[in-house]
Amino acid sequence: QVQLVESGGGLVQAGGSLRLSCAASGRTFSTYAMGWFRQAPGKEREVVATITWTGVDTYYADSVKGRFTISRDNAKNTAFLQMNSLKPEDTAVYYCATDGQPYSSRPNFIYWGQGTQVTVSS
């Protein structure tokens, strides 16, 4: 059974930084794409960043490019989201997700964590 557990959220002032972690278990971590998504109150869930199973290719939403960095440590079965220069509009629940198929170049994120709250004060 695939399990994803996020951590690292919290309250930070605008301009500050946070590092989210996503610990995965239940299958071979290194062969699956990972992604970070977020959902703000009253808004739909949106993709923040994704990383392929190889770790070579990444994708970022325009709103976070240059500020957020997604990475993975296959030895620790963990994905990360480093968030710098945070803005109040980054306030949301952040979710980690993983692909349903291994070795995929077009991931379909079907497994989700429970989410971690990030609040950025102005």
Protein backbone atom coordinates (compact mmCIF):
# COMPACT_ATOMS: atom_id res chain seq x y z
CA GLN A 1 0.00 0.00 0.00
CA VAL A 2 1.43 3.33 -1.07
CA GLN A 3 1.70 5.91 1.69
CA LEU A 4 2.83 9.51 1.44
CA VAL A 5 3.45 11.65 4.50
CA GLU A 6 4.14 15.36 4.17
CA SER A 7 5.89 17.49 6.75
CA GLY A 8 7.56 20.86 7.04
CA GLY A 9 4.62 23.19 6.72
CA GLY A 10 4.02 26.09 9.06
CA LEU A 11 3.66 29.83 9.47
CA VAL A 12 6.28 32.08 7.89
CA GLN A 13 6.56 35.75 7.08
CA ALA A 14 6.57 36.97 3.51
CA GLY A 15 10.03 36.64 2.03
CA GLY A 16 10.84 33.65 4.19
CA SER A 17 11.54 30.04 3.32
CA LEU A 18 10.18 26.60 4.09
CA ARG A 19 11.21 23.13 3.03
CA LEU A 20 8.50 20.53 2.63
CA SER A 21 9.27 16.82 2.77
CA CYS A 22 7.28 13.87 1.48
CA ALA A 23 8.20 10.48 2.86
CA ALA A 24 7.00 7.61 0.66
CA SER A 25 6.56 3.95 1.50
CA GLY A 26 4.91 0.84 0.13
CA ARG A 27 6.78 0.43 -3.13
CA THR A 28 10.03 1.21 -4.96
CA PHE A 29 10.26 4.99 -4.68
CA SER A 30 12.91 5.57 -7.33
CA THR A 31 10.84 4.39 -10.28
CA TYR A 32 7.90 6.78 -9.89
CA ALA A 33 7.39 10.45 -10.67
CA MET A 34 6.58 12.75 -7.77
CA GLY A 35 4.64 15.97 -7.59
CA TRP A 36 3.63 18.78 -5.27
CA PHE A 37 0.21 20.38 -5.49
CA ARG A 38 -1.57 22.99 -3.43
CA GLN A 39 -5.09 24.10 -2.66
CA ALA A 40 -5.96 27.49 -1.25
CA PRO A 41 -9.32 28.19 0.42
CA GLY A 42 -12.06 28.54 -2.17
CA LYS A 43 -9.78 27.53 -5.02
CA GLU A 44 -9.17 24.36 -6.98
CA ARG A 45 -6.13 22.20 -6.39
CA GLU A 46 -3.27 23.21 -8.66
CA VAL A 47 0.06 21.71 -9.61
CA VAL A 48 3.09 23.39 -8.10
CA ALA A 49 5.99 21.25 -9.31
CA THR A 50 6.73 17.78 -10.60
CA ILE A 51 9.83 15.65 -11.04
CA THR A 52 10.27 12.57 -13.19
CA TRP A 53 11.37 9.25 -11.83
CA THR A 54 14.87 9.89 -13.18
CA GLY A 55 15.03 13.20 -11.39
CA VAL A 56 16.30 14.81 -14.59
CA ASP A 57 13.14 16.59 -15.72
CA THR A 58 11.15 19.01 -13.62
CA TYR A 59 8.11 21.19 -14.15
CA TYR A 60 7.09 24.33 -12.28
CA ALA A 61 3.96 26.41 -12.31
CA ASP A 62 4.66 29.90 -13.59
CA SER A 63 3.69 31.34 -10.22
CA VAL A 64 6.57 29.58 -8.43
CA LYS A 65 9.32 29.50 -11.06
CA GLY A 66 12.58 30.83 -9.71
CA ARG A 67 11.37 30.58 -6.11
CA PHE A 68 10.56 26.88 -5.54
CA THR A 69 12.74 23.85 -6.20
CA ILE A 70 11.57 20.25 -6.30
CA SER A 71 14.03 17.45 -5.64
CA ARG A 72 14.16 13.82 -4.58
CA ASP A 73 16.44 11.61 -2.53
CA ASN A 74 15.89 8.04 -3.64
CA ALA A 75 18.08 6.65 -0.89
CA LYS A 76 15.71 8.19 1.66
CA ASN A 77 12.47 7.58 -0.28
CA THR A 78 11.72 11.25 0.10
CA ALA A 79 10.75 14.14 -2.15
CA PHE A 80 11.29 17.77 -1.21
CA LEU A 81 9.94 21.17 -2.09
CA GLN A 82 12.23 24.06 -1.18
CA MET A 83 10.19 27.25 -1.09
CA ASN A 84 11.99 30.59 -1.02
CA SER A 85 10.80 34.18 -1.25
CA LEU A 86 7.38 33.11 -0.05
CA LYS A 87 4.40 35.34 -0.72
CA PRO A 88 1.02 35.55 1.01
CA GLU A 89 -0.55 34.09 -2.14
CA ASP A 90 1.45 30.90 -1.55
CA THR A 91 -0.75 30.20 1.47
CA ALA A 92 -2.43 26.84 0.91
CA VAL A 93 -2.51 23.21 1.91
CA TYR A 94 0.36 21.51 0.07
CA TYR A 95 -0.04 17.92 -1.07
CA CYS A 96 2.51 15.40 -2.21
CA ALA A 97 1.48 12.94 -4.93
CA THR A 98 2.97 10.09 -6.88
CA ASP A 99 2.43 8.36 -10.19
CA GLY A 100 0.44 5.18 -10.70
CA GLN A 101 2.88 3.70 -13.21
CA PRO A 102 6.65 3.22 -12.98
CA TYR A 103 9.10 4.67 -15.49
CA SER A 104 6.47 7.01 -16.89
CA SER A 105 7.35 10.16 -18.80
CA ARG A 106 3.72 11.33 -18.59
CA PRO A 107 2.80 10.81 -14.94
CA ASN A 108 -0.71 10.30 -13.69
CA PHE A 109 -0.77 11.23 -10.02
CA ILE A 110 -3.16 8.90 -8.26
CA TYR A 111 -1.69 8.53 -4.77
CA TRP A 112 -1.88 11.49 -2.41
CA GLY A 113 -0.67 12.50 1.00
CA GLN A 114 -2.81 14.11 3.66
CA GLY A 115 -1.42 17.59 3.09
CA THR A 116 0.50 20.12 5.14
CA GLN A 117 -0.57 23.70 5.79
CA VAL A 118 1.63 26.56 4.65
CA THR A 119 0.65 30.03 5.80
CA VAL A 120 2.55 33.11 4.68
CA SER A 121 1.85 36.31 6.58
CA SER A 122 2.29 39.74 5.05
